[in-house]
Amino acid sequence: MENEQIKVFRITLKEVLKRLSNVDKCKVEDLKDLVVKQFDDYNYEGEEELQGLNNWCDISKNGKYELTVGIDHEDAYEFTLYINVQSGIVSMENVL
């Protein structure tokens, strides 16, 4: 039993949604890395690479933004992150 490996099961889409909803009160410059981290252990038909992050607009100014992100697969679900930026801090308002 010394060298037994624990099998890691992939997470569900519901868990990704929950994780993304919990990304809150972070610095603007940390948002992308935090969003990527929320997809750890999730894949769609073997695909794990994310799409949409490179298309995010400049969110350095105060205001509300809609950002999309999802697994890079034509049939995978794409999330829309509704955020509010105030003084360089991101607040997650909703994730759909």
N, C-alpha and C. Protein backbone atom coordinates (compact mmCIF):
# COMPACT_ATOMS: atom_id res chain seq x y z
N MET A 1 0.80 -1.20 0.00
CA MET A 1 0.00 0.00 0.00
C MET A 1 0.84 1.27 0.00
N GLU A 2 2.13 1.13 0.14
CA GLU A 2 3.00 2.30 0.19
C GLU A 2 2.91 3.18 -1.05
N ASN A 3 3.00 2.58 -2.21
CA ASN A 3 3.11 3.34 -3.44
C ASN A 3 1.81 3.39 -4.23
N GLU A 4 0.69 3.23 -3.57
CA GLU A 4 -0.59 3.31 -4.27
C GLU A 4 -0.84 4.74 -4.73
N GLN A 5 -1.32 4.85 -5.95
CA GLN A 5 -1.68 6.16 -6.45
C GLN A 5 -3.18 6.34 -6.32
N ILE A 6 -3.57 7.53 -5.96
CA ILE A 6 -4.98 7.83 -5.85
C ILE A 6 -5.47 8.29 -7.20
N LYS A 7 -6.54 7.67 -7.68
CA LYS A 7 -7.09 8.04 -8.97
C LYS A 7 -7.83 9.37 -8.83
N VAL A 8 -7.53 10.31 -9.71
CA VAL A 8 -8.19 11.61 -9.71
C VAL A 8 -9.29 11.57 -10.75
N PHE A 9 -10.50 11.84 -10.32
CA PHE A 9 -11.62 11.89 -11.24
C PHE A 9 -11.78 13.31 -11.73
N ARG A 10 -12.21 13.45 -12.94
CA ARG A 10 -12.39 14.80 -13.47
C ARG A 10 -13.60 15.45 -12.82
N ILE A 11 -13.61 16.75 -12.78
CA ILE A 11 -14.71 17.47 -12.16
C ILE A 11 -15.82 17.69 -13.17
N THR A 12 -16.99 18.05 -12.68
CA THR A 12 -18.15 18.27 -13.53
C THR A 12 -18.25 19.73 -13.96
N LEU A 13 -19.07 19.96 -14.93
CA LEU A 13 -19.35 21.32 -15.39
C LEU A 13 -19.96 22.15 -14.26
N LYS A 14 -20.78 21.51 -13.45
CA LYS A 14 -21.40 22.18 -12.30
C LYS A 14 -20.32 22.67 -11.32
N GLU A 15 -19.28 21.86 -11.13
CA GLU A 15 -18.19 22.25 -10.23
C GLU A 15 -17.40 23.42 -10.81
N VAL A 16 -17.19 23.44 -12.13
CA VAL A 16 -16.49 24.57 -12.77
C VAL A 16 -17.30 25.84 -12.55
N LEU A 17 -18.61 25.76 -12.74
CA LEU A 17 -19.48 26.91 -12.53
C LEU A 17 -19.37 27.42 -11.09
N LYS A 18 -19.39 26.51 -10.15
CA LYS A 18 -19.27 26.86 -8.72
C LYS A 18 -17.92 27.54 -8.45
N ARG A 19 -16.86 26.95 -8.99
CA ARG A 19 -15.52 27.52 -8.78
C ARG A 19 -15.41 28.92 -9.37
N LEU A 20 -15.92 29.09 -10.61
CA LEU A 20 -15.86 30.40 -11.25
C LEU A 20 -16.66 31.44 -10.46
N SER A 21 -17.79 31.03 -9.92
CA SER A 21 -18.62 31.94 -9.12
C SER A 21 -17.90 32.40 -7.86
N ASN A 22 -16.97 31.60 -7.37
CA ASN A 22 -16.24 31.93 -6.15
C ASN A 22 -15.01 32.81 -6.39
N VAL A 23 -14.69 33.07 -7.65
CA VAL A 23 -13.58 33.98 -7.95
C VAL A 23 -14.10 35.39 -7.71
N ASP A 24 -13.65 36.02 -6.67
CA ASP A 24 -14.20 37.31 -6.30
C ASP A 24 -13.16 38.10 -5.51
N LYS A 25 -13.22 39.39 -5.66
CA LYS A 25 -12.32 40.30 -4.94
C LYS A 25 -10.85 39.99 -5.22
N CYS A 26 -10.55 39.86 -6.50
CA CYS A 26 -9.15 39.62 -6.89
C CYS A 26 -8.65 40.82 -7.70
N LYS A 27 -7.36 40.93 -7.83
CA LYS A 27 -6.77 41.99 -8.62
C LYS A 27 -7.00 41.69 -10.11
N VAL A 28 -7.16 42.74 -10.89
CA VAL A 28 -7.40 42.60 -12.32
C VAL A 28 -6.31 41.75 -12.97
N GLU A 29 -5.07 41.99 -12.59
CA GLU A 29 -3.96 41.27 -13.23
C GLU A 29 -3.92 39.79 -12.85
N ASP A 30 -4.64 39.38 -11.82
CA ASP A 30 -4.67 37.98 -11.40
C ASP A 30 -5.86 37.21 -11.96
N LEU A 31 -6.81 37.90 -12.58
CA LEU A 31 -8.06 37.26 -12.99
C LEU A 31 -7.86 36.10 -13.96
N LYS A 32 -7.08 36.29 -15.01
CA LYS A 32 -6.90 35.22 -16.00
C LYS A 32 -6.34 33.95 -15.36
N ASP A 33 -5.30 34.11 -14.56
CA ASP A 33 -4.70 32.94 -13.91
C ASP A 33 -5.69 32.24 -12.98
N LEU A 34 -6.48 33.02 -12.26
CA LEU A 34 -7.47 32.43 -11.36
C LEU A 34 -8.57 31.69 -12.13
N VAL A 35 -9.00 32.25 -13.25
CA VAL A 35 -10.02 31.59 -14.07
C VAL A 35 -9.48 30.29 -14.63
N VAL A 36 -8.27 30.30 -15.14
CA VAL A 36 -7.65 29.07 -15.67
C VAL A 36 -7.59 28.00 -14.59
N LYS A 37 -7.24 28.38 -13.39
CA LYS A 37 -7.12 27.43 -12.28
C LYS A 37 -8.47 26.76 -11.96
N GLN A 38 -9.56 27.45 -12.19
CA GLN A 38 -10.88 26.89 -11.88
C GLN A 38 -11.25 25.74 -12.82
N PHE A 39 -10.55 25.63 -13.93
CA PHE A 39 -10.80 24.54 -14.88
C PHE A 39 -9.90 23.33 -14.64
N ASP A 40 -9.07 23.35 -13.59
CA ASP A 40 -8.21 22.21 -13.28
C ASP A 40 -9.06 20.94 -13.14
N ASP A 41 -8.60 19.86 -13.75
CA ASP A 41 -9.25 18.55 -13.71
C ASP A 41 -10.56 18.49 -14.49
N TYR A 42 -10.83 19.47 -15.34
CA TYR A 42 -12.03 19.43 -16.19
C TYR A 42 -11.58 19.31 -17.64
N ASN A 43 -12.28 18.50 -18.41
CA ASN A 43 -12.04 18.43 -19.85
C ASN A 43 -13.34 18.09 -20.54
N TYR A 44 -13.36 18.34 -21.83
CA TYR A 44 -14.51 17.98 -22.65
C TYR A 44 -14.01 17.07 -23.76
N GLU A 45 -14.43 15.83 -23.72
CA GLU A 45 -14.00 14.81 -24.68
C GLU A 45 -12.49 14.80 -24.85
N GLY A 46 -11.78 14.92 -23.74
CA GLY A 46 -10.33 14.86 -23.73
C GLY A 46 -9.63 16.18 -23.95
N GLU A 47 -10.36 17.21 -24.35
CA GLU A 47 -9.77 18.52 -24.60
C GLU A 47 -9.76 19.33 -23.30
N GLU A 48 -8.60 19.90 -22.97
CA GLU A 48 -8.45 20.68 -21.74
C GLU A 48 -8.10 22.14 -21.99
N GLU A 49 -7.64 22.46 -23.19
CA GLU A 49 -7.20 23.82 -23.48
C GLU A 49 -8.39 24.78 -23.51
N LEU A 50 -8.17 25.97 -22.95
CA LEU A 50 -9.22 26.97 -22.87
C LEU A 50 -9.19 27.90 -24.07
N GLN A 51 -10.35 28.42 -24.41
CA GLN A 51 -10.45 29.43 -25.45
C GLN A 51 -11.17 30.65 -24.88
N GLY A 52 -10.95 31.78 -25.50
CA GLY A 52 -11.65 33.00 -25.10
C GLY A 52 -10.79 33.96 -24.31
N LEU A 53 -9.82 33.46 -23.57
CA LEU A 53 -9.00 34.34 -22.72
C LEU A 53 -8.24 35.39 -23.53
N ASN A 54 -7.79 35.03 -24.70
CA ASN A 54 -7.02 35.96 -25.52
C ASN A 54 -7.90 37.04 -26.14
N ASN A 55 -9.22 36.83 -26.12
CA ASN A 55 -10.15 37.80 -26.70
C ASN A 55 -10.72 38.75 -25.66
N TRP A 56 -10.31 38.59 -24.40
CA TRP A 56 -10.83 39.47 -23.36
C TRP A 56 -10.39 40.90 -23.63
N CYS A 57 -11.30 41.82 -23.42
CA CYS A 57 -10.98 43.23 -23.61
C CYS A 57 -10.11 43.74 -22.45
N ASP A 58 -9.64 44.94 -22.59
CA ASP A 58 -8.88 45.57 -21.51
C ASP A 58 -9.85 45.89 -20.38
N ILE A 59 -9.62 45.31 -19.22
CA ILE A 59 -10.53 45.52 -18.09
C ILE A 59 -9.87 46.36 -16.99
N SER A 60 -8.94 47.20 -17.38
CA SER A 60 -8.22 47.99 -16.37
C SER A 60 -9.02 49.19 -15.87
N LYS A 61 -10.03 49.61 -16.62
CA LYS A 61 -10.84 50.75 -16.20
C LYS A 61 -12.03 50.29 -15.37
N ASN A 62 -12.48 51.14 -14.48
CA ASN A 62 -13.67 50.84 -13.69
C ASN A 62 -14.86 50.61 -14.61
N GLY A 63 -15.68 49.64 -14.26
CA GLY A 63 -16.87 49.37 -15.06
C GLY A 63 -17.28 47.92 -15.02
N LYS A 64 -18.35 47.61 -15.76
CA LYS A 64 -18.87 46.26 -15.84
C LYS A 64 -18.45 45.65 -17.17
N TYR A 65 -18.12 44.36 -17.13
CA TYR A 65 -17.64 43.67 -18.32
C TYR A 65 -18.28 42.28 -18.41
N GLU A 66 -18.39 41.79 -19.65
CA GLU A 66 -18.80 40.42 -19.91
C GLU A 66 -17.64 39.73 -20.61
N LEU A 67 -17.12 38.67 -20.01
CA LEU A 67 -15.99 37.95 -20.56
C LEU A 67 -16.41 36.50 -20.79
N THR A 68 -15.97 35.91 -21.90
CA THR A 68 -16.31 34.52 -22.17
C THR A 68 -15.08 33.64 -22.07
N VAL A 69 -15.31 32.39 -21.65
CA VAL A 69 -14.24 31.42 -21.52
C VAL A 69 -14.85 30.02 -21.56
N GLY A 70 -14.12 29.09 -22.12
CA GLY A 70 -14.58 27.70 -22.17
C GLY A 70 -13.53 26.80 -22.76
N ILE A 71 -13.80 25.52 -22.75
CA ILE A 71 -12.89 24.54 -23.34
C ILE A 71 -12.91 24.70 -24.85
N ASP A 72 -11.75 24.57 -25.47
CA ASP A 72 -11.59 24.74 -26.91
C ASP A 72 -12.09 23.51 -27.66
N HIS A 73 -13.40 23.36 -27.70
CA HIS A 73 -14.06 22.26 -28.42
C HIS A 73 -15.38 22.82 -28.92
N GLU A 74 -15.72 22.51 -30.15
CA GLU A 74 -16.91 23.11 -30.76
C GLU A 74 -18.21 22.81 -30.01
N ASP A 75 -18.29 21.71 -29.28
CA ASP A 75 -19.51 21.36 -28.56
C ASP A 75 -19.46 21.67 -27.07
N ALA A 76 -18.35 22.19 -26.60
CA ALA A 76 -18.19 22.47 -25.16
C ALA A 76 -18.96 23.73 -24.78
N TYR A 77 -19.39 23.77 -23.53
CA TYR A 77 -20.13 24.92 -23.00
C TYR A 77 -19.18 26.11 -22.85
N GLU A 78 -19.67 27.29 -23.18
CA GLU A 78 -18.90 28.51 -23.01
C GLU A 78 -19.53 29.33 -21.89
N PHE A 79 -18.73 29.69 -20.91
CA PHE A 79 -19.20 30.48 -19.78
C PHE A 79 -19.09 31.96 -20.10
N THR A 80 -20.03 32.74 -19.58
CA THR A 80 -19.94 34.19 -19.63
C THR A 80 -19.78 34.67 -18.19
N LEU A 81 -18.70 35.41 -17.96
CA LEU A 81 -18.41 35.95 -16.64
C LEU A 81 -18.85 37.42 -16.63
N TYR A 82 -19.73 37.76 -15.72
CA TYR A 82 -20.19 39.13 -15.57
C TYR A 82 -19.44 39.70 -14.37
N ILE A 83 -18.56 40.64 -14.66
CA ILE A 83 -17.71 41.18 -13.59
C ILE A 83 -17.87 42.69 -13.48
N ASN A 84 -17.49 43.19 -12.33
CA ASN A 84 -17.44 44.62 -12.08
C ASN A 84 -16.03 44.93 -11.59
N VAL A 85 -15.40 45.92 -12.18
CA VAL A 85 -14.05 46.34 -11.79
C VAL A 85 -14.13 47.70 -11.12
N GLN A 86 -13.58 47.78 -9.91
CA GLN A 86 -13.50 49.04 -9.18
C GLN A 86 -12.12 49.14 -8.56
N SER A 87 -11.39 50.16 -8.92
CA SER A 87 -10.06 50.43 -8.37
C SER A 87 -9.12 49.23 -8.50
N GLY A 88 -9.19 48.54 -9.65
CA GLY A 88 -8.30 47.42 -9.91
C GLY A 88 -8.70 46.11 -9.26
N ILE A 89 -9.87 46.06 -8.63
CA ILE A 89 -10.36 44.84 -7.98
C ILE A 89 -11.58 44.33 -8.73
N VAL A 90 -11.58 43.04 -9.02
CA VAL A 90 -12.67 42.40 -9.76
C VAL A 90 -13.66 41.78 -8.80
N SER A 91 -14.94 42.07 -9.01
CA SER A 91 -16.03 41.43 -8.28
C SER A 91 -16.82 40.61 -9.29
N MET A 92 -17.04 39.34 -8.99
CA MET A 92 -17.82 38.47 -9.87
C MET A 92 -19.29 38.70 -9.55
N GLU A 93 -20.04 39.16 -10.53
CA GLU A 93 -21.46 39.41 -10.31
C GLU A 93 -22.32 38.20 -10.68
N ASN A 94 -21.91 37.49 -11.74
CA ASN A 94 -22.68 36.34 -12.18
C ASN A 94 -21.84 35.53 -13.15
N VAL A 95 -22.16 34.24 -13.24
CA VAL A 95 -21.52 33.36 -14.21
C VAL A 95 -22.64 32.55 -14.87
N LEU A 96 -22.70 32.62 -16.16
CA LEU A 96 -23.72 31.86 -16.92
C LEU A 96 -23.04 31.03 -17.99
